[in-house]
Amino acid sequence: MSDQTGTSFPGFPGQAQAPELDTRQAHSARVYNYWLGGKDNFAADREAAEQAIAANPGIVTDVRANRAFLARAVRFLAAECGVRQFLDIGTGLPTASNTHEVAQAAAPDARIVYVDNDPIVLAHARALLTSTPDGATAYLGADLRDPSAILGAAARTLDFGQPVALMLLIILHLIPDSDDPYGIVAALVDALPAGSYLVLAHPASDIRAAQMAEMTKRVNARMSGPKATLRDRAQIARFFDGLQLLEPGVVQPQQWRPEPGMLSPPQVTAWCGVARKR
């Protein structure tokens, strides 16, 4: 384990170099950035994002509720559970309340590894996501479908003999059933020691079902790379098999340990949960 604070892992599965940037088609990270009010997106991303909003007007509120869930979960794990290591896969473009900011506010010595396969995400992360002097923040260019590559590179920064929080937020819908998403999550969790946590959120097929189906159809038609696969609550709960689910279980993001007086939408089109490896 080292004290790297700006490490990049340029290899992508099956490629000698990171993929070239193609701004002609939408990319999920940049579409999500647009919904969050960010500026790091292109015309194709904005067009796909607006098509999604037209089909499902609540999507902007939903993605912000998901982001708030991330912050609450990380704060809980760092402040109350003593977790000092986070592996955040499918990072997305930097915005407010990034994982390392929340974790290191509670525990300055926290170590975070971000993983994404979009070169724009990695370029922005290296430029903007700076660590505390006591902690570490590293950035890996890798694909979720290659857990061994992620784990091998993350081991340069994280100590896999100590608990790790595995963060998989709004990323697994980009893994189709044919690529065995359950096997991928199991491989990652199996590599973590007892006392580690899985933090997961996934778009729902069974909340505002018609709107979500139409939105997904429109975005998939404009998206480069993997297409989205929605799943229902039972399918998403299956990712936590063999783990100890924390209360309140698998719920919509706004329902996971809301802060007192927190204003939240009545429905958010995702299911989420936090579970501990025993």
C-alpha atoms as a PDB file:
ATOM      1  CA  MET A   1       0.000   0.000   0.000  1.00  0.00           C
ATOM      2  CA  SER A   2       1.316   3.490  -0.839  1.00  0.00           C
ATOM      3  CA  ASP A   3       0.433   7.127  -0.207  1.00  0.00           C
ATOM      4  CA  GLN A   4      -0.423   7.973  -3.796  1.00  0.00           C
ATOM      5  CA  THR A   5      -2.787  10.919  -4.158  1.00  0.00           C
ATOM      6  CA  GLY A   6      -3.122  11.197  -7.910  1.00  0.00           C
ATOM      7  CA  THR A   7      -2.616   7.717  -9.277  1.00  0.00           C
ATOM      8  CA  SER A   8      -4.086   6.794 -12.639  1.00  0.00           C
ATOM      9  CA  PHE A   9      -4.437   3.307 -14.072  1.00  0.00           C
ATOM     10  CA  PRO A  10      -4.626   3.871 -17.827  1.00  0.00           C
ATOM     11  CA  GLY A  11      -5.419   0.349 -18.970  1.00  0.00           C
ATOM     12  CA  PHE A  12      -8.923  -0.608 -20.020  1.00  0.00           C
ATOM     13  CA  PRO A  13      -9.946  -4.241 -20.474  1.00  0.00           C
ATOM     14  CA  GLY A  14      -8.870  -5.382 -23.941  1.00  0.00           C
ATOM     15  CA  GLN A  15      -7.252  -2.054 -24.801  1.00  0.00           C
ATOM     16  CA  ALA A  16      -3.697  -0.797 -24.658  1.00  0.00           C
ATOM     17  CA  GLN A  17      -4.795   2.790 -24.008  1.00  0.00           C
ATOM     18  CA  ALA A  18      -7.788   4.641 -22.637  1.00  0.00           C
ATOM     19  CA  PRO A  19     -10.535   5.069 -25.240  1.00  0.00           C
ATOM     20  CA  GLU A  20     -10.598   8.242 -27.302  1.00  0.00           C
ATOM     21  CA  LEU A  21     -13.200  10.801 -26.361  1.00  0.00           C
ATOM     22  CA  ASP A  22     -16.258  10.773 -28.629  1.00  0.00           C
ATOM     23  CA  THR A  23     -18.505  13.777 -28.035  1.00  0.00           C
ATOM     24  CA  ARG A  24     -20.921  12.895 -30.828  1.00  0.00           C
ATOM     25  CA  GLN A  25     -22.794  10.410 -28.679  1.00  0.00           C
ATOM     26  CA  ALA A  26     -24.094  10.817 -25.163  1.00  0.00           C
ATOM     27  CA  HIS A  27     -22.261   9.258 -22.230  1.00  0.00           C
ATOM     28  CA  SER A  28     -23.986   8.298 -18.993  1.00  0.00           C
ATOM     29  CA  ALA A  29     -21.606  10.253 -16.729  1.00  0.00           C
ATOM     30  CA  ARG A  30     -22.062  13.446 -18.721  1.00  0.00           C
ATOM     31  CA  VAL A  31     -25.850  13.049 -18.941  1.00  0.00           C
ATOM     32  CA  TYR A  32     -25.932  12.594 -15.178  1.00  0.00           C
ATOM     33  CA  ASN A  33     -23.738  15.680 -14.803  1.00  0.00           C
ATOM     34  CA  TYR A  34     -26.267  17.701 -16.788  1.00  0.00           C
ATOM     35  CA  TRP A  35     -29.120  16.530 -14.562  1.00  0.00           C
ATOM     36  CA  LEU A  36     -27.108  17.595 -11.517  1.00  0.00           C
ATOM     37  CA  GLY A  37     -26.677  21.074 -12.970  1.00  0.00           C
ATOM     38  CA  GLY A  38     -23.059  20.616 -14.033  1.00  0.00           C
ATOM     39  CA  LYS A  39     -21.257  22.125 -17.015  1.00  0.00           C
ATOM     40  CA  ASP A  40     -19.127  19.159 -18.071  1.00  0.00           C
ATOM     41  CA  ASN A  41     -21.274  17.875 -20.921  1.00  0.00           C
ATOM     42  CA  PHE A  42     -21.687  18.242 -24.667  1.00  0.00           C
ATOM     43  CA  ALA A  43     -24.591  18.800 -27.056  1.00  0.00           C
ATOM     44  CA  ALA A  44     -25.256  15.072 -27.444  1.00  0.00           C
ATOM     45  CA  ASP A  45     -25.365  14.641 -23.677  1.00  0.00           C
ATOM     46  CA  ARG A  46     -27.733  17.578 -23.227  1.00  0.00           C
ATOM     47  CA  GLU A  47     -30.036  16.335 -25.962  1.00  0.00           C
ATOM     48  CA  ALA A  48     -30.231  12.867 -24.392  1.00  0.00           C
ATOM     49  CA  ALA A  49     -30.750  14.385 -20.947  1.00  0.00           C
ATOM     50  CA  GLU A  50     -33.594  16.595 -22.174  1.00  0.00           C
ATOM     51  CA  GLN A  51     -35.216  13.657 -23.950  1.00  0.00           C
ATOM     52  CA  ALA A  52     -35.112  11.801 -20.640  1.00  0.00           C
ATOM     53  CA  ILE A  53     -36.644  14.743 -18.797  1.00  0.00           C
ATOM     54  CA  ALA A  54     -39.434  14.919 -21.370  1.00  0.00           C
ATOM     55  CA  ALA A  55     -40.266  11.264 -20.762  1.00  0.00           C
ATOM     56  CA  ASN A  56     -39.749  11.357 -17.000  1.00  0.00           C
ATOM     57  CA  PRO A  57     -39.854  14.906 -15.595  1.00  0.00           C
ATOM     58  CA  GLY A  58     -38.944  13.712 -12.106  1.00  0.00           C
ATOM     59  CA  ILE A  59     -35.514  12.436 -13.119  1.00  0.00           C
ATOM     60  CA  VAL A  60     -33.661  15.602 -12.053  1.00  0.00           C
ATOM     61  CA  THR A  61     -35.122  15.402  -8.550  1.00  0.00           C
ATOM     62  CA  ASP A  62     -34.350  11.681  -8.494  1.00  0.00           C
ATOM     63  CA  VAL A  63     -30.653  11.987  -9.324  1.00  0.00           C
ATOM     64  CA  ARG A  64     -30.225  14.672  -6.670  1.00  0.00           C
ATOM     65  CA  ALA A  65     -31.894  12.407  -4.122  1.00  0.00           C
ATOM     66  CA  ASN A  66     -29.452   9.672  -5.119  1.00  0.00           C
ATOM     67  CA  ARG A  67     -26.554  12.047  -4.601  1.00  0.00           C
ATOM     68  CA  ALA A  68     -27.865  12.964  -1.166  1.00  0.00           C
ATOM     69  CA  PHE A  69     -28.078   9.258  -0.302  1.00  0.00           C
ATOM     70  CA  LEU A  70     -24.410   8.859  -1.218  1.00  0.00           C
ATOM     71  CA  ALA A  71     -23.450  11.652   1.172  1.00  0.00           C
ATOM     72  CA  ARG A  72     -25.530  10.270   4.046  1.00  0.00           C
ATOM     73  CA  ALA A  73     -24.215   6.733   3.568  1.00  0.00           C
ATOM     74  CA  VAL A  74     -20.561   7.806   3.396  1.00  0.00           C
ATOM     75  CA  ARG A  75     -20.945  10.084   6.415  1.00  0.00           C
ATOM     76  CA  PHE A  76     -22.583   7.274   8.390  1.00  0.00           C
ATOM     77  CA  LEU A  77     -19.857   4.763   7.504  1.00  0.00           C
ATOM     78  CA  ALA A  78     -16.976   7.135   8.220  1.00  0.00           C
ATOM     79  CA  ALA A  79     -18.369   8.815  11.335  1.00  0.00           C
ATOM     80  CA  GLU A  80     -20.327   6.009  12.988  1.00  0.00           C
ATOM     81  CA  CYS A  81     -18.854   2.757  11.659  1.00  0.00           C
ATOM     82  CA  GLY A  82     -15.181   3.698  11.598  1.00  0.00           C
ATOM     83  CA  VAL A  83     -14.690   2.937   7.891  1.00  0.00           C
ATOM     84  CA  ARG A  84     -11.541   4.566   6.545  1.00  0.00           C
ATOM     85  CA  GLN A  85     -11.390   3.126   3.020  1.00  0.00           C
ATOM     86  CA  PHE A  86     -13.798   3.612   0.111  1.00  0.00           C
ATOM     87  CA  LEU A  87     -13.765   2.053  -3.358  1.00  0.00           C
ATOM     88  CA  ASP A  88     -16.140   4.146  -5.487  1.00  0.00           C
ATOM     89  CA  ILE A  89     -16.802   2.501  -8.874  1.00  0.00           C
ATOM     90  CA  GLY A  90     -18.649   4.467 -11.532  1.00  0.00           C
ATOM     91  CA  THR A  91     -17.557   7.730  -9.995  1.00  0.00           C
ATOM     92  CA  GLY A  92     -19.127  10.127 -12.462  1.00  0.00           C
ATOM     93  CA  LEU A  93     -18.021  13.694 -12.932  1.00  0.00           C
ATOM     94  CA  PRO A  94     -17.100  15.678  -9.815  1.00  0.00           C
ATOM     95  CA  THR A  95     -19.921  17.629  -8.217  1.00  0.00           C
ATOM     96  CA  ALA A  96     -20.924  18.560  -4.671  1.00  0.00           C
ATOM     97  CA  SER A  97     -20.505  16.063  -1.806  1.00  0.00           C
ATOM     98  CA  ASN A  98     -18.038  13.760  -3.521  1.00  0.00           C
ATOM     99  CA  THR A  99     -17.189  10.582  -1.622  1.00  0.00           C
ATOM    100  CA  HIS A 100     -13.739  11.693  -0.471  1.00  0.00           C
ATOM    101  CA  GLU A 101     -15.007  15.111   0.642  1.00  0.00           C
ATOM    102  CA  VAL A 102     -17.690  13.596   2.846  1.00  0.00           C
ATOM    103  CA  ALA A 103     -15.454  10.811   4.175  1.00  0.00           C
ATOM    104  CA  GLN A 104     -12.456  13.024   4.891  1.00  0.00           C
ATOM    105  CA  ALA A 105     -14.612  15.669   6.567  1.00  0.00           C
ATOM    106  CA  ALA A 106     -15.492  12.978   9.120  1.00  0.00           C
ATOM    107  CA  ALA A 107     -12.133  11.180   9.048  1.00  0.00           C
ATOM    108  CA  PRO A 108      -9.226  13.133   7.510  1.00  0.00           C
ATOM    109  CA  ASP A 109      -7.147   9.965   7.169  1.00  0.00           C
ATOM    110  CA  ALA A 110      -9.721   8.238   4.944  1.00  0.00           C
ATOM    111  CA  ARG A 111      -8.443   6.706   1.708  1.00  0.00           C
ATOM    112  CA  ILE A 112     -10.598   6.744  -1.425  1.00  0.00           C
ATOM    113  CA  VAL A 113     -10.138   5.117  -4.817  1.00  0.00           C
ATOM    114  CA  TYR A 114     -12.366   6.361  -7.627  1.00  0.00           C
ATOM    115  CA  VAL A 115     -12.954   4.162 -10.681  1.00  0.00           C
ATOM    116  CA  ASP A 116     -14.500   5.154 -14.001  1.00  0.00           C
ATOM    117  CA  ASN A 117     -14.069   4.312 -17.680  1.00  0.00           C
ATOM    118  CA  ASP A 118     -14.731   7.787 -19.118  1.00  0.00           C
ATOM    119  CA  PRO A 119     -11.529   9.739 -19.871  1.00  0.00           C
ATOM    120  CA  ILE A 120     -13.303  13.039 -19.160  1.00  0.00           C
ATOM    121  CA  VAL A 121     -14.267  11.809 -15.686  1.00  0.00           C
ATOM    122  CA  LEU A 122     -10.691  10.826 -14.911  1.00  0.00           C
ATOM    123  CA  ALA A 123      -9.230  14.085 -16.228  1.00  0.00           C
ATOM    124  CA  HIS A 124     -11.608  16.143 -14.091  1.00  0.00           C
ATOM    125  CA  ALA A 125     -11.112  13.921 -11.052  1.00  0.00           C
ATOM    126  CA  ARG A 126      -7.343  14.252 -11.132  1.00  0.00           C
ATOM    127  CA  ALA A 127      -7.649  18.030 -11.477  1.00  0.00           C
ATOM    128  CA  LEU A 128     -10.389  18.696  -8.933  1.00  0.00           C
ATOM    129  CA  LEU A 129     -10.633  15.931  -6.339  1.00  0.00           C
ATOM    130  CA  THR A 130      -7.729  16.682  -4.033  1.00  0.00           C
ATOM    131  CA  SER A 131      -7.123  14.762  -0.840  1.00  0.00           C
ATOM    132  CA  THR A 132      -6.499  15.912   2.709  1.00  0.00           C
ATOM    133  CA  PRO A 133      -2.831  15.791   3.761  1.00  0.00           C
ATOM    134  CA  ASP A 134      -3.562  12.819   6.032  1.00  0.00           C
ATOM    135  CA  GLY A 135      -5.650  10.838   3.571  1.00  0.00           C
ATOM    136  CA  ALA A 136      -5.293   9.635   0.000  1.00  0.00           C
ATOM    137  CA  THR A 137      -7.348   9.861  -3.168  1.00  0.00           C
ATOM    138  CA  ALA A 138      -6.534   7.811  -6.257  1.00  0.00           C
ATOM    139  CA  TYR A 139      -8.159   7.503  -9.677  1.00  0.00           C
ATOM    140  CA  LEU A 140      -8.347   4.379 -11.808  1.00  0.00           C
ATOM    141  CA  GLY A 141      -9.379   4.091 -15.436  1.00  0.00           C
ATOM    142  CA  ALA A 142     -11.033   0.674 -15.485  1.00  0.00           C
ATOM    143  CA  ASP A 143     -14.239  -1.127 -16.362  1.00  0.00           C
ATOM    144  CA  LEU A 144     -16.597  -2.567 -13.759  1.00  0.00           C
ATOM    145  CA  ARG A 145     -16.731  -5.746 -15.830  1.00  0.00           C
ATOM    146  CA  ASP A 146     -13.099  -6.443 -14.923  1.00  0.00           C
ATOM    147  CA  PRO A 147     -13.109  -6.739 -11.096  1.00  0.00           C
ATOM    148  CA  SER A 148      -9.636  -8.279 -10.941  1.00  0.00           C
ATOM    149  CA  ALA A 149      -8.085  -5.266 -12.690  1.00  0.00           C
ATOM    150  CA  ILE A 150      -9.889  -2.882 -10.338  1.00  0.00           C
ATOM    151  CA  LEU A 151      -8.870  -4.784  -7.223  1.00  0.00           C
ATOM    152  CA  GLY A 152      -5.267  -5.147  -8.327  1.00  0.00           C
ATOM    153  CA  ALA A 153      -4.835  -1.452  -9.046  1.00  0.00           C
ATOM    154  CA  ALA A 154      -6.833  -0.313  -5.992  1.00  0.00           C
ATOM    155  CA  ALA A 155      -4.499  -2.329  -3.764  1.00  0.00           C
ATOM    156  CA  ARG A 156      -1.830   0.299  -4.439  1.00  0.00           C
ATOM    157  CA  THR A 157      -3.843   2.703  -2.277  1.00  0.00           C
ATOM    158  CA  LEU A 158      -6.210   0.569  -0.180  1.00  0.00           C
ATOM    159  CA  ASP A 159      -5.310  -2.092   2.385  1.00  0.00           C
ATOM    160  CA  PHE A 160      -7.586  -5.044   1.668  1.00  0.00           C
ATOM    161  CA  GLY A 161      -6.757  -6.459   5.080  1.00  0.00           C
ATOM    162  CA  GLN A 162      -8.906  -3.696   6.592  1.00  0.00           C
ATOM    163  CA  PRO A 163     -12.612  -2.918   5.987  1.00  0.00           C
ATOM    164  CA  VAL A 164     -13.522  -1.200   2.734  1.00  0.00           C
ATOM    165  CA  ALA A 165     -16.798   0.422   1.688  1.00  0.00           C
ATOM    166  CA  LEU A 166     -17.594  -0.650  -1.874  1.00  0.00           C
ATOM    167  CA  MET A 167     -19.666   2.073  -3.550  1.00  0.00           C
ATOM    168  CA  LEU A 168     -21.800   1.047  -6.556  1.00  0.00           C
ATOM    169  CA  LEU A 169     -24.224   3.899  -7.053  1.00  0.00           C
ATOM    170  CA  ILE A 170     -26.236   4.166 -10.271  1.00  0.00           C
ATOM    171  CA  ILE A 171     -23.759   2.084 -12.251  1.00  0.00           C
ATOM    172  CA  LEU A 172     -24.991  -1.522 -12.276  1.00  0.00           C
ATOM    173  CA  HIS A 173     -27.844  -0.720 -14.671  1.00  0.00           C
ATOM    174  CA  LEU A 174     -25.099  -0.365 -17.299  1.00  0.00           C
ATOM    175  CA  ILE A 175     -24.183  -4.029 -16.839  1.00  0.00           C
ATOM    176  CA  PRO A 176     -26.635  -6.220 -18.806  1.00  0.00           C
ATOM    177  CA  ASP A 177     -27.689  -9.603 -17.485  1.00  0.00           C
ATOM    178  CA  SER A 178     -25.508 -11.241 -20.144  1.00  0.00           C
ATOM    179  CA  ASP A 179     -22.426  -9.793 -18.394  1.00  0.00           C
ATOM    180  CA  ASP A 180     -23.454 -11.321 -15.031  1.00  0.00           C
ATOM    181  CA  PRO A 181     -23.788  -8.246 -12.783  1.00  0.00           C
ATOM    182  CA  TYR A 182     -24.398 -10.446  -9.732  1.00  0.00           C
ATOM    183  CA  GLY A 183     -21.167 -12.322 -10.361  1.00  0.00           C
ATOM    184  CA  ILE A 184     -19.274  -9.036 -10.717  1.00  0.00           C
ATOM    185  CA  VAL A 185     -20.571  -7.709  -7.397  1.00  0.00           C
ATOM    186  CA  ALA A 186     -19.874 -11.048  -5.702  1.00  0.00           C
ATOM    187  CA  ALA A 187     -16.283 -11.044  -6.985  1.00  0.00           C
ATOM    188  CA  LEU A 188     -15.711  -7.565  -5.583  1.00  0.00           C
ATOM    189  CA  VAL A 189     -17.334  -8.321  -2.239  1.00  0.00           C
ATOM    190  CA  ASP A 190     -15.469 -11.634  -1.914  1.00  0.00           C
ATOM    191  CA  ALA A 191     -12.174  -9.732  -2.078  1.00  0.00           C
ATOM    192  CA  LEU A 192     -13.111  -7.547   0.901  1.00  0.00           C
ATOM    193  CA  PRO A 193     -12.517  -8.525   4.526  1.00  0.00           C
ATOM    194  CA  ALA A 194     -15.218  -8.994   7.163  1.00  0.00           C
ATOM    195  CA  GLY A 195     -16.497  -5.662   8.418  1.00  0.00           C
ATOM    196  CA  SER A 196     -16.601  -4.190   4.908  1.00  0.00           C
ATOM    197  CA  TYR A 197     -19.744  -2.630   3.444  1.00  0.00           C
ATOM    198  CA  LEU A 198     -21.603  -2.588   0.144  1.00  0.00           C
ATOM    199  CA  VAL A 199     -23.373   0.691  -0.687  1.00  0.00           C
ATOM    200  CA  LEU A 200     -25.579   0.299  -3.746  1.00  0.00           C
ATOM    201  CA  ALA A 201     -28.237   2.246  -5.631  1.00  0.00           C
ATOM    202  CA  HIS A 202     -29.873   1.125  -8.876  1.00  0.00           C
ATOM    203  CA  PRO A 203     -32.576   2.631 -11.142  1.00  0.00           C
ATOM    204  CA  ALA A 204     -35.940   0.941 -10.642  1.00  0.00           C
ATOM    205  CA  SER A 205     -38.186  -0.672 -13.226  1.00  0.00           C
ATOM    206  CA  ASP A 206     -41.126  -0.824 -10.794  1.00  0.00           C
ATOM    207  CA  ILE A 207     -41.425   2.831  -9.733  1.00  0.00           C
ATOM    208  CA  ARG A 208     -43.107   5.145 -12.264  1.00  0.00           C
ATOM    209  CA  ALA A 209     -42.680   2.146 -14.534  1.00  0.00           C
ATOM    210  CA  ALA A 210     -44.061   3.573 -17.791  1.00  0.00           C
ATOM    211  CA  GLN A 211     -42.094   6.803 -17.487  1.00  0.00           C
ATOM    212  CA  MET A 212     -38.882   4.974 -16.618  1.00  0.00           C
ATOM    213  CA  ALA A 213     -39.285   2.565 -19.535  1.00  0.00           C
ATOM    214  CA  GLU A 214     -39.820   5.402 -22.012  1.00  0.00           C
ATOM    215  CA  MET A 215     -36.958   7.433 -20.569  1.00  0.00           C
ATOM    216  CA  THR A 216     -34.601   4.455 -20.772  1.00  0.00           C
ATOM    217  CA  LYS A 217     -35.624   3.768 -24.364  1.00  0.00           C
ATOM    218  CA  ARG A 218     -34.884   7.365 -25.385  1.00  0.00           C
ATOM    219  CA  VAL A 219     -31.550   7.564 -23.597  1.00  0.00           C
ATOM    220  CA  ASN A 220     -30.375   4.150 -24.815  1.00  0.00           C
ATOM    221  CA  ALA A 221     -31.011   5.246 -28.407  1.00  0.00           C
ATOM    222  CA  ARG A 222     -28.583   8.141 -27.950  1.00  0.00           C
ATOM    223  CA  MET A 223     -25.984   6.579 -25.663  1.00  0.00           C
ATOM    224  CA  SER A 224     -22.508   5.362 -26.471  1.00  0.00           C
ATOM    225  CA  GLY A 225     -21.312   2.279 -24.687  1.00  0.00           C
ATOM    226  CA  PRO A 226     -23.499  -0.069 -22.617  1.00  0.00           C
ATOM    227  CA  LYS A 227     -27.257   0.421 -22.645  1.00  0.00           C
ATOM    228  CA  ALA A 228     -29.257   0.728 -19.445  1.00  0.00           C
ATOM    229  CA  THR A 229     -31.110  -2.212 -17.918  1.00  0.00           C
ATOM    230  CA  LEU A 230     -33.711  -1.349 -15.291  1.00  0.00           C
ATOM    231  CA  ARG A 231     -34.402  -3.841 -12.474  1.00  0.00           C
ATOM    232  CA  ASP A 232     -37.120  -4.203  -9.858  1.00  0.00           C
ATOM    233  CA  ARG A 233     -36.758  -4.211  -6.091  1.00  0.00           C
ATOM    234  CA  ALA A 234     -36.363  -7.979  -5.795  1.00  0.00           C
ATOM    235  CA  GLN A 235     -33.676  -8.061  -8.483  1.00  0.00           C
ATOM    236  CA  ILE A 236     -31.795  -5.205  -6.817  1.00  0.00           C
ATOM    237  CA  ALA A 237     -32.113  -6.738  -3.340  1.00  0.00           C
ATOM    238  CA  ARG A 238     -30.392  -9.841  -4.734  1.00  0.00           C
ATOM    239  CA  PHE A 239     -27.105  -7.908  -4.942  1.00  0.00           C
ATOM    240  CA  PHE A 240     -27.056  -7.957  -1.130  1.00  0.00           C
ATOM    241  CA  ASP A 241     -27.390 -11.748  -0.836  1.00  0.00           C
ATOM    242  CA  GLY A 242     -25.161 -13.143   1.912  1.00  0.00           C
ATOM    243  CA  LEU A 243     -24.655  -9.733   3.529  1.00  0.00           C
ATOM    244  CA  GLN A 244     -26.211  -8.165   6.617  1.00  0.00           C
ATOM    245  CA  LEU A 245     -28.563  -5.429   5.420  1.00  0.00           C
ATOM    246  CA  LEU A 246     -28.612  -2.370   7.629  1.00  0.00           C
ATOM    247  CA  GLU A 247     -31.900  -0.766   8.558  1.00  0.00           C
ATOM    248  CA  PRO A 248     -34.107   0.317   6.856  1.00  0.00           C
ATOM    249  CA  GLY A 249     -33.203  -2.319   4.242  1.00  0.00           C
ATOM    250  CA  VAL A 250     -33.728  -1.883   0.504  1.00  0.00           C
ATOM    251  CA  VAL A 251     -35.645   1.365   0.120  1.00  0.00           C
ATOM    252  CA  GLN A 252     -35.894   4.381  -2.143  1.00  0.00           C
ATOM    253  CA  PRO A 253     -32.916   6.742  -1.632  1.00  0.00           C
ATOM    254  CA  GLN A 254     -34.891   9.462   0.129  1.00  0.00           C
ATOM    255  CA  GLN A 255     -36.052   6.866   2.668  1.00  0.00           C
ATOM    256  CA  TRP A 256     -32.574   5.721   3.743  1.00  0.00           C
ATOM    257  CA  ARG A 257     -31.902   7.307   7.139  1.00  0.00           C
ATOM    258  CA  PRO A 258     -33.154  10.781   6.214  1.00  0.00           C
ATOM    259  CA  GLU A 259     -31.872  13.653   8.283  1.00  0.00           C
ATOM    260  CA  PRO A 260     -34.368  15.323  10.642  1.00  0.00           C
ATOM    261  CA  GLY A 261     -36.450  17.879   8.796  1.00  0.00           C
ATOM    262  CA  MET A 262     -35.047  16.835   5.419  1.00  0.00           C
ATOM    263  CA  LEU A 263     -37.343  17.721   2.538  1.00  0.00           C
ATOM    264  CA  SER A 264     -37.509  14.935  -0.004  1.00  0.00           C
ATOM    265  CA  PRO A 265     -39.685  13.842  -2.922  1.00  0.00           C
ATOM    266  CA  PRO A 266     -42.379  11.246  -2.215  1.00  0.00           C
ATOM    267  CA  GLN A 267     -41.059   8.934  -4.950  1.00  0.00           C
ATOM    268  CA  VAL A 268     -37.547   8.416  -6.292  1.00  0.00           C
ATOM    269  CA  THR A 269     -37.065   5.977  -9.170  1.00  0.00           C
ATOM    270  CA  ALA A 270     -34.330   3.872  -7.593  1.00  0.00           C
ATOM    271  CA  TRP A 271     -33.754   1.287  -4.878  1.00  0.00           C
ATOM    272  CA  CYS A 272     -30.772   1.473  -2.547  1.00  0.00           C
ATOM    273  CA  GLY A 273     -29.280  -0.099   0.534  1.00  0.00           C
ATOM    274  CA  VAL A 274     -26.199  -0.523   2.705  1.00  0.00           C
ATOM    275  CA  ALA A 275     -25.039  -3.952   3.896  1.00  0.00           C
ATOM    276  CA  ARG A 276     -22.190  -5.275   6.015  1.00  0.00           C
ATOM    277  CA  LYS A 277     -20.017  -8.268   5.242  1.00  0.00           C
ATOM    278  CA  ARG A 278     -19.872 -10.535   8.294  1.00  0.00           C
END
